[in-house]
C-alpha atoms as a PDB file:
ATOM      1  CA  MET A   1      31.669 -26.536 -46.346  1.00  0.00           C
ATOM      2  CA  GLU A   2      30.922 -25.356 -49.510  1.00  0.00           C
ATOM      3  CA  SER A   3      31.766 -21.551 -50.503  1.00  0.00           C
ATOM      4  CA  VAL A   4      28.332 -19.334 -50.638  1.00  0.00           C
ATOM      5  CA  LYS A   5      29.457 -18.966 -54.439  1.00  0.00           C
ATOM      6  CA  VAL A   6      29.318 -22.865 -54.992  1.00  0.00           C
ATOM      7  CA  GLN A   7      25.816 -22.765 -52.927  1.00  0.00           C
ATOM      8  CA  ILE A   8      24.297 -20.054 -55.166  1.00  0.00           C
ATOM      9  CA  ASN A   9      25.413 -21.686 -58.254  1.00  0.00           C
ATOM     10  CA  GLU A  10      23.968 -24.832 -57.307  1.00  0.00           C
ATOM     11  CA  VAL A  11      20.450 -23.240 -56.520  1.00  0.00           C
ATOM     12  CA  VAL A  12      20.491 -21.081 -59.487  1.00  0.00           C
ATOM     13  CA  GLU A  13      21.664 -23.965 -61.915  1.00  0.00           C
ATOM     14  CA  LYS A  14      18.027 -25.650 -60.903  1.00  0.00           C
ATOM     15  CA  LEU A  15      15.904 -22.501 -61.668  1.00  0.00           C
ATOM     16  CA  SER A  16      14.357 -21.667 -65.281  1.00  0.00           C
ATOM     17  CA  GLU A  17      15.929 -19.217 -67.452  1.00  0.00           C
ATOM     18  CA  ASP A  18      13.475 -16.869 -66.317  1.00  0.00           C
ATOM     19  CA  GLN A  19      14.227 -17.138 -62.826  1.00  0.00           C
ATOM     20  CA  GLN A  20      17.814 -16.957 -63.271  1.00  0.00           C
ATOM     21  CA  GLN A  21      17.380 -13.974 -64.959  1.00  0.00           C
ATOM     22  CA  LEU A  22      15.423 -12.730 -62.048  1.00  0.00           C
ATOM     23  CA  VAL A  23      18.222 -13.486 -59.717  1.00  0.00           C
ATOM     24  CA  LEU A  24      20.559 -11.805 -62.078  1.00  0.00           C
ATOM     25  CA  SER A  25      18.579  -8.583 -62.042  1.00  0.00           C
ATOM     26  CA  PHE A  26      18.490  -8.724 -58.229  1.00  0.00           C
ATOM     27  CA  ALA A  27      22.250  -9.627 -58.105  1.00  0.00           C
ATOM     28  CA  GLN A  28      22.994  -6.668 -60.334  1.00  0.00           C
ATOM     29  CA  ALA A  29      20.655  -3.980 -58.364  1.00  0.00           C
ATOM     30  CA  LEU A  30      21.883  -5.248 -55.075  1.00  0.00           C
ATOM     31  CA  GLY A  31      25.551  -4.726 -56.291  1.00  0.00           C
ATOM     32  CA  ALA A  32      24.786  -1.143 -57.258  1.00  0.00           C
ATOM     33  CA  VAL A  33      24.013  -0.572 -53.809  1.00  0.00           C
ATOM     34  CA  ASP A  34      26.939   1.803 -52.407  1.00  0.00           C
ATOM     35  CA  VAL A  35      27.692  -0.104 -48.999  1.00  0.00           C
ATOM     36  CA  SER A  36      30.652  -2.299 -48.081  1.00  0.00           C
ATOM     37  CA  VAL A  37      29.853  -6.116 -48.733  1.00  0.00           C
ATOM     38  CA  SER A  38      31.862  -6.812 -45.543  1.00  0.00           C
ATOM     39  CA  GLN A  39      29.798  -4.414 -43.748  1.00  0.00           C
ATOM     40  CA  GLY A  40      26.435  -5.905 -44.695  1.00  0.00           C
ATOM     41  CA  VAL A  41      23.691  -4.007 -46.251  1.00  0.00           C
ATOM     42  CA  GLN A  42      20.945  -2.244 -43.496  1.00  0.00           C
ATOM     43  CA  GLY A  43      17.719  -2.680 -44.218  1.00  0.00           C
ATOM     44  CA  GLU A  44      17.187   1.050 -44.350  1.00  0.00           C
ATOM     45  CA  VAL A  45      19.563   1.206 -47.397  1.00  0.00           C
ATOM     46  CA  LEU A  46      17.706  -1.526 -49.157  1.00  0.00           C
ATOM     47  CA  LEU A  47      14.394   0.061 -48.705  1.00  0.00           C
ATOM     48  CA  ALA A  48      15.781   3.486 -50.226  1.00  0.00           C
ATOM     49  CA  HIS A  49      16.760   1.428 -53.172  1.00  0.00           C
ATOM     50  CA  MET A  50      13.266  -0.377 -53.535  1.00  0.00           C
ATOM     51  CA  ASP A  51      12.741   1.194 -56.827  1.00  0.00           C
ATOM     52  CA  ASP A  52      15.768  -0.454 -58.021  1.00  0.00           C
ATOM     53  CA  PHE A  53      14.247  -3.735 -57.339  1.00  0.00           C
ATOM     54  CA  HIS A  54      11.934  -5.344 -59.798  1.00  0.00           C
ATOM     55  CA  PHE A  55       9.430  -7.984 -58.355  1.00  0.00           C
ATOM     56  CA  ALA A  56       6.653  -9.721 -59.776  1.00  0.00           C
ATOM     57  CA  PRO A  57       3.421  -9.168 -57.802  1.00  0.00           C
ATOM     58  CA  GLY A  58       3.040 -11.378 -54.710  1.00  0.00           C
ATOM     59  CA  GLU A  59       6.807 -11.853 -54.348  1.00  0.00           C
ATOM     60  CA  LEU A  60       7.282  -9.640 -51.616  1.00  0.00           C
ATOM     61  CA  ASP A  61       4.378 -11.080 -49.833  1.00  0.00           C
ATOM     62  CA  GLU A  62       5.525 -14.382 -50.306  1.00  0.00           C
ATOM     63  CA  MET A  63       9.203 -13.746 -48.868  1.00  0.00           C
ATOM     64  CA  SER A  64       7.519 -11.755 -45.907  1.00  0.00           C
ATOM     65  CA  ARG A  65       5.330 -14.914 -45.497  1.00  0.00           C
ATOM     66  CA  VAL A  66       8.717 -17.460 -45.539  1.00  0.00           C
ATOM     67  CA  ILE A  67      10.394 -14.837 -43.404  1.00  0.00           C
ATOM     68  CA  GLU A  68       7.944 -15.069 -40.892  1.00  0.00           C
ATOM     69  CA  GLU A  69       7.317 -18.720 -40.748  1.00  0.00           C
ATOM     70  CA  GLU A  70      10.843 -20.003 -41.177  1.00  0.00           C
ATOM     71  CA  CYS A  71      13.244 -17.264 -39.878  1.00  0.00           C
ATOM     72  CA  GLU A  72      11.469 -15.587 -36.787  1.00  0.00           C
ATOM     73  CA  LYS A  73      11.141 -18.842 -34.638  1.00  0.00           C
ATOM     74  CA  ILE A  74      12.263 -18.875 -31.229  1.00  0.00           C
ATOM     75  CA  ASP A  75      13.404 -22.181 -29.575  1.00  0.00           C
ATOM     76  CA  ALA A  76      13.578 -21.217 -25.855  1.00  0.00           C
ATOM     77  CA  ASP A  77      15.043 -25.096 -25.357  1.00  0.00           C
ATOM     78  CA  GLU A  78      17.590 -24.694 -27.743  1.00  0.00           C
ATOM     79  CA  TRP A  79      20.494 -24.233 -25.588  1.00  0.00           C
ATOM     80  CA  GLN A  80      19.417 -26.572 -23.000  1.00  0.00           C
END
């Protein structure tokens, strides 16, 4: 299994220069949050720093849509 850094690199390399700049800005803003990475970042902490993040119009709606469609699925038969 590839390291997270390698996986991130592979994804970022496929992005346009403008998209790479957005990823860099997001990573820098996320890095500025004063929380131990090993503990993760609680949603409340991220929300408190929302002004530090800059998203194009509609990006947050798109992220929410994808999260709802892809991440919040429950497969009741998964463990059978």
